[in-house]
Structure formats: C-alpha cells, structure tokens
Amino acid sequence: MDAKDALPIIKRNQLALRNGQDKPEIWVALNGIVFDVSASRLWRNGKHYEHWAGQDLTDELGDAPHTEKVFEKFKAIGVLESTPKSS
C-alpha cells in the first residue's frame, strides 16, 4: 500500500476554505497531494509572493524559483479529489 493511499481525500471546496482567510489552517495542493503550510512564515495570510493558498499550485510551480522538493518539509495531509474529465 502506497503512503498516498492512507491519506484522506480532500475536496476542492475544502482546500479552498484553507486559504489563510476563512480558517486557521493554510493548505496548498501540488501534484494531487494537499500540504499543510500553516506553520510557514512564507505563507502568512495565505499568500506567498504571487501565489494564493487554498488552491492547486501544480501549474504555477514552473514560475517558482524552487522545485517541488521544497514541499518535502511540509506535512502531506490528503489527496486532492480529482476532477472528472469532460467528454
């Protein structure tokens, strides 16, 4: 069993509420994994440079001056619910 399989599924609306404004937790998603970045001073108030918490940052990572390895220091708390593909 993959460690990812043990994590709960988090819906996009649950992620959106953890934007640093609505709830005390600050969450972001990357590559389908939701991370709690609440303890990071760089995510205070839910904003990190031009990036906002409460959303999937996978497509924005290419603009960052760092790689996805930076997320290794944060706790993975869930798997982002996948969006069904429209046919």
PDB file of N, CA and C in Angstrom:
ATOM      1  N   MET A   1       0.840  -1.180   0.000  1.00  0.00           N
ATOM      2  CA  MET A   1       0.000   0.000   0.000  1.00  0.00           C
ATOM      3  C   MET A   1       0.890   1.251   0.000  1.00  0.00           C
ATOM      4  N   ASP A   2       0.606   2.153  -0.881  1.00  0.00           N
ATOM      5  CA  ASP A   2       1.313   3.423  -1.013  1.00  0.00           C
ATOM      6  C   ASP A   2       0.909   4.345   0.139  1.00  0.00           C
ATOM      7  N   ALA A   3       1.839   5.159   0.648  1.00  0.00           N
ATOM      8  CA  ALA A   3       1.518   6.099   1.732  1.00  0.00           C
ATOM      9  C   ALA A   3       0.410   7.049   1.303  1.00  0.00           C
ATOM     10  N   LYS A   4       0.376   7.375   0.013  1.00  0.00           N
ATOM     11  CA  LYS A   4      -0.656   8.261  -0.524  1.00  0.00           C
ATOM     12  C   LYS A   4      -2.043   7.646  -0.350  1.00  0.00           C
ATOM     13  N   ASP A   5      -2.132   6.298  -0.411  1.00  0.00           N
ATOM     14  CA  ASP A   5      -3.411   5.609  -0.257  1.00  0.00           C
ATOM     15  C   ASP A   5      -3.983   5.766   1.148  1.00  0.00           C
ATOM     16  N   ALA A   6      -3.146   6.006   2.132  1.00  0.00           N
ATOM     17  CA  ALA A   6      -3.597   6.123   3.512  1.00  0.00           C
ATOM     18  C   ALA A   6      -4.137   7.520   3.831  1.00  0.00           C
ATOM     19  N   LEU A   7      -3.906   8.472   2.959  1.00  0.00           N
ATOM     20  CA  LEU A   7      -4.346   9.840   3.203  1.00  0.00           C
ATOM     21  C   LEU A   7      -5.812  10.018   2.813  1.00  0.00           C
ATOM     22  N   PRO A   8      -6.539  10.872   3.538  1.00  0.00           N
ATOM     23  CA  PRO A   8      -7.940  11.109   3.182  1.00  0.00           C
ATOM     24  C   PRO A   8      -8.053  11.923   1.888  1.00  0.00           C
ATOM     25  N   ILE A   9      -9.183  11.784   1.234  1.00  0.00           N
ATOM     26  CA  ILE A   9      -9.449  12.578   0.032  1.00  0.00           C
ATOM     27  C   ILE A   9      -9.975  13.938   0.475  1.00  0.00           C
ATOM     28  N   ILE A  10      -9.424  14.980  -0.090  1.00  0.00           N
ATOM     29  CA  ILE A  10      -9.843  16.348   0.227  1.00  0.00           C
ATOM     30  C   ILE A  10     -10.479  16.943  -1.026  1.00  0.00           C
ATOM     31  N   LYS A  11     -11.685  17.434  -0.858  1.00  0.00           N
ATOM     32  CA  LYS A  11     -12.405  18.042  -1.977  1.00  0.00           C
ATOM     33  C   LYS A  11     -11.856  19.442  -2.242  1.00  0.00           C
ATOM     34  N   ARG A  12     -12.010  19.898  -3.453  1.00  0.00           N
ATOM     35  CA  ARG A  12     -11.501  21.220  -3.840  1.00  0.00           C
ATOM     36  C   ARG A  12     -12.133  22.338  -3.017  1.00  0.00           C
ATOM     37  N   ASN A  13     -13.409  22.191  -2.647  1.00  0.00           N
ATOM     38  CA  ASN A  13     -14.036  23.238  -1.828  1.00  0.00           C
ATOM     39  C   ASN A  13     -13.468  23.239  -0.405  1.00  0.00           C
ATOM     40  N   GLN A  14     -13.045  22.078   0.100  1.00  0.00           N
ATOM     41  CA  GLN A  14     -12.387  22.023   1.410  1.00  0.00           C
ATOM     42  C   GLN A  14     -11.028  22.723   1.331  1.00  0.00           C
ATOM     43  N   LEU A  15     -10.294  22.463   0.269  1.00  0.00           N
ATOM     44  CA  LEU A  15      -8.997  23.111   0.052  1.00  0.00           C
ATOM     45  C   LEU A  15      -9.176  24.623  -0.031  1.00  0.00           C
ATOM     46  N   ALA A  16     -10.180  25.063  -0.775  1.00  0.00           N
ATOM     47  CA  ALA A  16     -10.408  26.495  -0.975  1.00  0.00           C
ATOM     48  C   ALA A  16     -10.674  27.230   0.337  1.00  0.00           C
ATOM     49  N   LEU A  17     -11.274  26.555   1.311  1.00  0.00           N
ATOM     50  CA  LEU A  17     -11.553  27.193   2.599  1.00  0.00           C
ATOM     51  C   LEU A  17     -10.301  27.369   3.452  1.00  0.00           C
ATOM     52  N   ARG A  18      -9.230  26.658   3.113  1.00  0.00           N
ATOM     53  CA  ARG A  18      -7.980  26.767   3.884  1.00  0.00           C
ATOM     54  C   ARG A  18      -7.029  27.721   3.163  1.00  0.00           C
ATOM     55  N   ASN A  19      -7.510  28.932   2.928  1.00  0.00           N
ATOM     56  CA  ASN A  19      -6.780  29.922   2.135  1.00  0.00           C
ATOM     57  C   ASN A  19      -6.081  30.980   2.973  1.00  0.00           C
ATOM     58  N   GLY A  20      -6.071  30.785   4.291  1.00  0.00           N
ATOM     59  CA  GLY A  20      -5.427  31.752   5.170  1.00  0.00           C
ATOM     60  C   GLY A  20      -6.355  32.877   5.596  1.00  0.00           C
ATOM     61  N   GLN A  21      -7.593  32.854   5.122  1.00  0.00           N
ATOM     62  CA  GLN A  21      -8.562  33.889   5.459  1.00  0.00           C
ATOM     63  C   GLN A  21      -9.760  33.316   6.210  1.00  0.00           C
ATOM     64  N   ASP A  22     -10.283  32.190   5.729  1.00  0.00           N
ATOM     65  CA  ASP A  22     -11.531  31.642   6.252  1.00  0.00           C
ATOM     66  C   ASP A  22     -11.363  30.700   7.440  1.00  0.00           C
ATOM     67  N   LYS A  23     -10.262  30.023   7.522  1.00  0.00           N
ATOM     68  CA  LYS A  23      -9.984  29.045   8.583  1.00  0.00           C
ATOM     69  C   LYS A  23      -8.537  29.254   9.044  1.00  0.00           C
ATOM     70  N   PRO A  24      -8.182  28.740  10.225  1.00  0.00           N
ATOM     71  CA  PRO A  24      -6.805  28.924  10.690  1.00  0.00           C
ATOM     72  C   PRO A  24      -5.772  28.110   9.911  1.00  0.00           C
ATOM     73  N   GLU A  25      -6.213  27.022   9.264  1.00  0.00           N
ATOM     74  CA  GLU A  25      -5.272  26.203   8.501  1.00  0.00           C
ATOM     75  C   GLU A  25      -5.001  26.844   7.142  1.00  0.00           C
ATOM     76  N   ILE A  26      -3.776  26.654   6.661  1.00  0.00           N
ATOM     77  CA  ILE A  26      -3.391  27.131   5.330  1.00  0.00           C
ATOM     78  C   ILE A  26      -2.894  25.923   4.556  1.00  0.00           C
ATOM     79  N   TRP A  27      -3.618  25.581   3.506  1.00  0.00           N
ATOM     80  CA  TRP A  27      -3.305  24.405   2.710  1.00  0.00           C
ATOM     81  C   TRP A  27      -3.059  24.784   1.260  1.00  0.00           C
ATOM     82  N   VAL A  28      -2.202  24.013   0.608  1.00  0.00           N
ATOM     83  CA  VAL A  28      -1.994  24.108  -0.840  1.00  0.00           C
ATOM     84  C   VAL A  28      -1.880  22.688  -1.377  1.00  0.00           C
ATOM     85  N   ALA A  29      -2.151  22.535  -2.661  1.00  0.00           N
ATOM     86  CA  ALA A  29      -2.016  21.220  -3.289  1.00  0.00           C
ATOM     87  C   ALA A  29      -0.934  21.296  -4.360  1.00  0.00           C
ATOM     88  N   LEU A  30      -0.246  20.181  -4.528  1.00  0.00           N
ATOM     89  CA  LEU A  30       0.771  20.052  -5.569  1.00  0.00           C
ATOM     90  C   LEU A  30       0.774  18.607  -6.033  1.00  0.00           C
ATOM     91  N   ASN A  31       0.635  18.409  -7.320  1.00  0.00           N
ATOM     92  CA  ASN A  31       0.652  17.066  -7.909  1.00  0.00           C
ATOM     93  C   ASN A  31      -0.311  16.100  -7.209  1.00  0.00           C
ATOM     94  N   GLY A  32      -1.490  16.603  -6.849  1.00  0.00           N
ATOM     95  CA  GLY A  32      -2.518  15.755  -6.266  1.00  0.00           C
ATOM     96  C   GLY A  32      -2.420  15.534  -4.774  1.00  0.00           C
ATOM     97  N   ILE A  33      -1.410  16.098  -4.123  1.00  0.00           N
ATOM     98  CA  ILE A  33      -1.239  15.960  -2.671  1.00  0.00           C
ATOM     99  C   ILE A  33      -1.508  17.316  -2.019  1.00  0.00           C
ATOM    100  N   VAL A  34      -2.255  17.300  -0.920  1.00  0.00           N
ATOM    101  CA  VAL A  34      -2.547  18.526  -0.178  1.00  0.00           C
ATOM    102  C   VAL A  34      -1.574  18.617   0.989  1.00  0.00           C
ATOM    103  N   PHE A  35      -0.956  19.779   1.119  1.00  0.00           N
ATOM    104  CA  PHE A  35       0.029  20.032   2.175  1.00  0.00           C
ATOM    105  C   PHE A  35      -0.475  21.121   3.109  1.00  0.00           C
ATOM    106  N   ASP A  36      -0.178  20.972   4.396  1.00  0.00           N
ATOM    107  CA  ASP A  36      -0.481  21.998   5.395  1.00  0.00           C
ATOM    108  C   ASP A  36       0.752  22.888   5.516  1.00  0.00           C
ATOM    109  N   VAL A  37       0.619  24.148   5.089  1.00  0.00           N
ATOM    110  CA  VAL A  37       1.738  25.094   5.133  1.00  0.00           C
ATOM    111  C   VAL A  37       1.505  26.159   6.209  1.00  0.00           C
ATOM    112  N   SER A  38       0.587  25.881   7.139  1.00  0.00           N
ATOM    113  CA  SER A  38       0.209  26.844   8.180  1.00  0.00           C
ATOM    114  C   SER A  38       1.398  27.350   8.993  1.00  0.00           C
ATOM    115  N   ALA A  39       2.364  26.503   9.262  1.00  0.00           N
ATOM    116  CA  ALA A  39       3.494  26.872  10.120  1.00  0.00           C
ATOM    117  C   ALA A  39       4.544  27.717   9.399  1.00  0.00           C
ATOM    118  N   SER A  40       4.447  27.825   8.095  1.00  0.00           N
ATOM    119  CA  SER A  40       5.455  28.560   7.338  1.00  0.00           C
ATOM    120  C   SER A  40       5.216  30.067   7.394  1.00  0.00           C
ATOM    121  N   ARG A  41       6.229  30.806   7.793  1.00  0.00           N
ATOM    122  CA  ARG A  41       6.110  32.268   7.801  1.00  0.00           C
ATOM    123  C   ARG A  41       5.960  32.808   6.384  1.00  0.00           C
ATOM    124  N   LEU A  42       6.365  32.032   5.385  1.00  0.00           N
ATOM    125  CA  LEU A  42       6.264  32.471   3.994  1.00  0.00           C
ATOM    126  C   LEU A  42       4.841  32.379   3.446  1.00  0.00           C
ATOM    127  N   TRP A  43       3.946  31.739   4.189  1.00  0.00           N
ATOM    128  CA  TRP A  43       2.552  31.604   3.764  1.00  0.00           C
ATOM    129  C   TRP A  43       1.599  32.361   4.672  1.00  0.00           C
ATOM    130  N   ARG A  44       2.111  33.304   5.455  1.00  0.00           N
ATOM    131  CA  ARG A  44       1.241  34.074   6.351  1.00  0.00           C
ATOM    132  C   ARG A  44       0.139  34.745   5.541  1.00  0.00           C
ATOM    133  N   ASN A  45      -1.041  34.759   6.113  1.00  0.00           N
ATOM    134  CA  ASN A  45      -2.229  35.346   5.476  1.00  0.00           C
ATOM    135  C   ASN A  45      -2.614  34.649   4.175  1.00  0.00           C
ATOM    136  N   GLY A  46      -2.036  33.471   3.916  1.00  0.00           N
ATOM    137  CA  GLY A  46      -2.430  32.694   2.749  1.00  0.00           C
ATOM    138  C   GLY A  46      -1.841  33.135   1.433  1.00  0.00           C
ATOM    139  N   LYS A  47      -0.818  33.985   1.475  1.00  0.00           N
ATOM    140  CA  LYS A  47      -0.198  34.438   0.236  1.00  0.00           C
ATOM    141  C   LYS A  47       1.310  34.227   0.303  1.00  0.00           C
ATOM    142  N   HIS A  48       1.865  33.737  -0.783  1.00  0.00           N
ATOM    143  CA  HIS A  48       3.308  33.519  -0.898  1.00  0.00           C
ATOM    144  C   HIS A  48       3.727  34.118  -2.239  1.00  0.00           C
ATOM    145  N   TYR A  49       4.304  35.289  -2.189  1.00  0.00           N
ATOM    146  CA  TYR A  49       4.622  36.051  -3.397  1.00  0.00           C
ATOM    147  C   TYR A  49       3.348  36.223  -4.216  1.00  0.00           C
ATOM    148  N   GLU A  50       3.267  35.748  -5.425  1.00  0.00           N
ATOM    149  CA  GLU A  50       2.043  35.910  -6.222  1.00  0.00           C
ATOM    150  C   GLU A  50       1.138  34.678  -6.157  1.00  0.00           C
ATOM    151  N   HIS A  51       1.398  33.784  -5.242  1.00  0.00           N
ATOM    152  CA  HIS A  51       0.637  32.538  -5.150  1.00  0.00           C
ATOM    153  C   HIS A  51      -0.287  32.581  -3.938  1.00  0.00           C
ATOM    154  N   TRP A  52      -1.494  32.072  -4.127  1.00  0.00           N
ATOM    155  CA  TRP A  52      -2.500  32.075  -3.071  1.00  0.00           C
ATOM    156  C   TRP A  52      -2.749  30.665  -2.564  1.00  0.00           C
ATOM    157  N   ALA A  53      -2.920  30.547  -1.254  1.00  0.00           N
ATOM    158  CA  ALA A  53      -3.246  29.258  -0.637  1.00  0.00           C
ATOM    159  C   ALA A  53      -4.686  28.886  -0.954  1.00  0.00           C
ATOM    160  N   GLY A  54      -5.015  27.637  -0.631  1.00  0.00           N
ATOM    161  CA  GLY A  54      -6.367  27.167  -0.854  1.00  0.00           C
ATOM    162  C   GLY A  54      -6.611  26.690  -2.271  1.00  0.00           C
ATOM    163  N   GLN A  55      -5.528  26.454  -3.004  1.00  0.00           N
ATOM    164  CA  GLN A  55      -5.683  26.011  -4.387  1.00  0.00           C
ATOM    165  C   GLN A  55      -4.571  25.056  -4.797  1.00  0.00           C
ATOM    166  N   ASP A  56      -4.745  24.492  -5.968  1.00  0.00           N
ATOM    167  CA  ASP A  56      -3.759  23.583  -6.552  1.00  0.00           C
ATOM    168  C   ASP A  56      -2.702  24.431  -7.254  1.00  0.00           C
ATOM    169  N   LEU A  57      -1.463  24.326  -6.806  1.00  0.00           N
ATOM    170  CA  LEU A  57      -0.369  25.134  -7.359  1.00  0.00           C
ATOM    171  C   LEU A  57       0.474  24.390  -8.389  1.00  0.00           C
ATOM    172  N   THR A  58       0.034  23.224  -8.814  1.00  0.00           N
ATOM    173  CA  THR A  58       0.820  22.405  -9.733  1.00  0.00           C
ATOM    174  C   THR A  58       1.214  23.177 -10.988  1.00  0.00           C
ATOM    175  N   ASP A  59       0.273  23.858 -11.607  1.00  0.00           N
ATOM    176  CA  ASP A  59       0.570  24.589 -12.847  1.00  0.00           C
ATOM    177  C   ASP A  59       1.432  25.821 -12.614  1.00  0.00           C
ATOM    178  N   GLU A  60       1.453  26.332 -11.388  1.00  0.00           N
ATOM    179  CA  GLU A  60       2.229  27.533 -11.078  1.00  0.00           C
ATOM    180  C   GLU A  60       3.668  27.239 -10.670  1.00  0.00           C
ATOM    181  N   LEU A  61       3.988  25.990 -10.401  1.00  0.00           N
ATOM    182  CA  LEU A  61       5.331  25.650  -9.916  1.00  0.00           C
ATOM    183  C   LEU A  61       6.420  26.052 -10.906  1.00  0.00           C
ATOM    184  N   GLY A  62       6.128  26.007 -12.184  1.00  0.00           N
ATOM    185  CA  GLY A  62       7.114  26.378 -13.194  1.00  0.00           C
ATOM    186  C   GLY A  62       7.598  27.811 -13.067  1.00  0.00           C
ATOM    187  N   ASP A  63       6.784  28.688 -12.457  1.00  0.00           N
ATOM    188  CA  ASP A  63       7.161  30.097 -12.268  1.00  0.00           C
ATOM    189  C   ASP A  63       7.957  30.324 -10.991  1.00  0.00           C
ATOM    190  N   ALA A  64       8.028  29.298 -10.143  1.00  0.00           N
ATOM    191  CA  ALA A  64       8.701  29.453  -8.846  1.00  0.00           C
ATOM    192  C   ALA A  64      10.220  29.318  -9.000  1.00  0.00           C
ATOM    193  N   PRO A  65      10.978  29.988  -8.126  1.00  0.00           N
ATOM    194  CA  PRO A  65      12.435  29.883  -8.169  1.00  0.00           C
ATOM    195  C   PRO A  65      12.957  28.616  -7.488  1.00  0.00           C
ATOM    196  N   HIS A  66      12.053  27.731  -7.092  1.00  0.00           N
ATOM    197  CA  HIS A  66      12.442  26.486  -6.417  1.00  0.00           C
ATOM    198  C   HIS A  66      11.730  25.310  -7.080  1.00  0.00           C
ATOM    199  N   THR A  67      12.113  24.116  -6.689  1.00  0.00           N
ATOM    200  CA  THR A  67      11.480  22.907  -7.228  1.00  0.00           C
ATOM    201  C   THR A  67      10.438  22.401  -6.234  1.00  0.00           C
ATOM    202  N   GLU A  68       9.781  21.327  -6.595  1.00  0.00           N
ATOM    203  CA  GLU A  68       8.774  20.751  -5.702  1.00  0.00           C
ATOM    204  C   GLU A  68       9.388  20.152  -4.445  1.00  0.00           C
ATOM    205  N   LYS A  69      10.697  19.994  -4.400  1.00  0.00           N
ATOM    206  CA  LYS A  69      11.364  19.457  -3.201  1.00  0.00           C
ATOM    207  C   LYS A  69      11.094  20.314  -1.964  1.00  0.00           C
ATOM    208  N   VAL A  70      10.803  21.594  -2.166  1.00  0.00           N
ATOM    209  CA  VAL A  70      10.528  22.481  -1.039  1.00  0.00           C
ATOM    210  C   VAL A  70       9.308  22.002  -0.246  1.00  0.00           C
ATOM    211  N   PHE A  71       8.416  21.252  -0.882  1.00  0.00           N
ATOM    212  CA  PHE A  71       7.219  20.764  -0.200  1.00  0.00           C
ATOM    213  C   PHE A  71       7.515  19.576   0.719  1.00  0.00           C
ATOM    214  N   GLU A  72       8.701  19.000   0.630  1.00  0.00           N
ATOM    215  CA  GLU A  72       9.065  17.872   1.491  1.00  0.00           C
ATOM    216  C   GLU A  72       9.092  18.251   2.965  1.00  0.00           C
ATOM    217  N   LYS A  73       9.258  19.534   3.262  1.00  0.00           N
ATOM    218  CA  LYS A  73       9.299  19.949   4.665  1.00  0.00           C
ATOM    219  C   LYS A  73       7.903  20.153   5.261  1.00  0.00           C
ATOM    220  N   PHE A  74       6.867  20.059   4.431  1.00  0.00           N
ATOM    221  CA  PHE A  74       5.500  20.219   4.911  1.00  0.00           C
ATOM    222  C   PHE A  74       4.803  18.874   5.022  1.00  0.00           C
ATOM    223  N   LYS A  75       3.852  18.794   5.928  1.00  0.00           N
ATOM    224  CA  LYS A  75       3.118  17.553   6.136  1.00  0.00           C
ATOM    225  C   LYS A  75       2.055  17.375   5.053  1.00  0.00           C
ATOM    226  N   ALA A  76       2.084  16.215   4.414  1.00  0.00           N
ATOM    227  CA  ALA A  76       1.033  15.848   3.462  1.00  0.00           C
ATOM    228  C   ALA A  76      -0.171  15.418   4.274  1.00  0.00           C
ATOM    229  N   ILE A  77      -1.316  16.060   4.037  1.00  0.00           N
ATOM    230  CA  ILE A  77      -2.492  15.773   4.861  1.00  0.00           C
ATOM    231  C   ILE A  77      -3.629  15.132   4.082  1.00  0.00           C
ATOM    232  N   GLY A  78      -3.510  15.074   2.770  1.00  0.00           N
ATOM    233  CA  GLY A  78      -4.587  14.475   1.997  1.00  0.00           C
ATOM    234  C   GLY A  78      -4.259  14.368   0.526  1.00  0.00           C
ATOM    235  N   VAL A  79      -5.178  13.735  -0.180  1.00  0.00           N
ATOM    236  CA  VAL A  79      -5.089  13.595  -1.631  1.00  0.00           C
ATOM    237  C   VAL A  79      -6.204  14.445  -2.212  1.00  0.00           C
ATOM    238  N   LEU A  80      -5.859  15.314  -3.140  1.00  0.00           N
ATOM    239  CA  LEU A  80      -6.849  16.190  -3.747  1.00  0.00           C
ATOM    240  C   LEU A  80      -7.781  15.384  -4.637  1.00  0.00           C
ATOM    241  N   GLU A  81      -9.068  15.577  -4.411  1.00  0.00           N
ATOM    242  CA  GLU A  81     -10.062  14.878  -5.232  1.00  0.00           C
ATOM    243  C   GLU A  81      -9.864  15.259  -6.687  1.00  0.00           C
ATOM    244  N   SER A  82      -9.802  14.253  -7.535  1.00  0.00           N
ATOM    245  CA  SER A  82      -9.570  14.543  -8.954  1.00  0.00           C
ATOM    246  C   SER A  82     -10.858  15.054  -9.597  1.00  0.00           C
ATOM    247  N   THR A  83     -10.673  15.927 -10.558  1.00  0.00           N
ATOM    248  CA  THR A  83     -11.801  16.485 -11.289  1.00  0.00           C
ATOM    249  C   THR A  83     -12.121  15.549 -12.441  1.00  0.00           C
ATOM    250  N   PRO A  84     -13.380  15.148 -12.584  1.00  0.00           N
ATOM    251  CA  PRO A  84     -13.715  14.276 -13.704  1.00  0.00           C
ATOM    252  C   PRO A  84     -13.466  14.979 -15.032  1.00  0.00           C
ATOM    253  N   LYS A  85     -12.919  14.245 -15.962  1.00  0.00           N
ATOM    254  CA  LYS A  85     -12.660  14.800 -17.287  1.00  0.00           C
ATOM    255  C   LYS A  85     -13.960  14.825 -18.072  1.00  0.00           C
ATOM    256  N   SER A  86     -14.232  15.936 -18.728  1.00  0.00           N
ATOM    257  CA  SER A  86     -15.444  16.021 -19.545  1.00  0.00           C
ATOM    258  C   SER A  86     -15.176  15.388 -20.892  1.00  0.00           C
ATOM    259  N   SER A  87     -16.208  14.753 -21.453  1.00  0.00           N
ATOM    260  CA  SER A  87     -16.009  14.069 -22.731  1.00  0.00           C
ATOM    261  C   SER A  87     -16.558  14.857 -23.877  1.00  0.00           C
TER     262      SER A  87
END
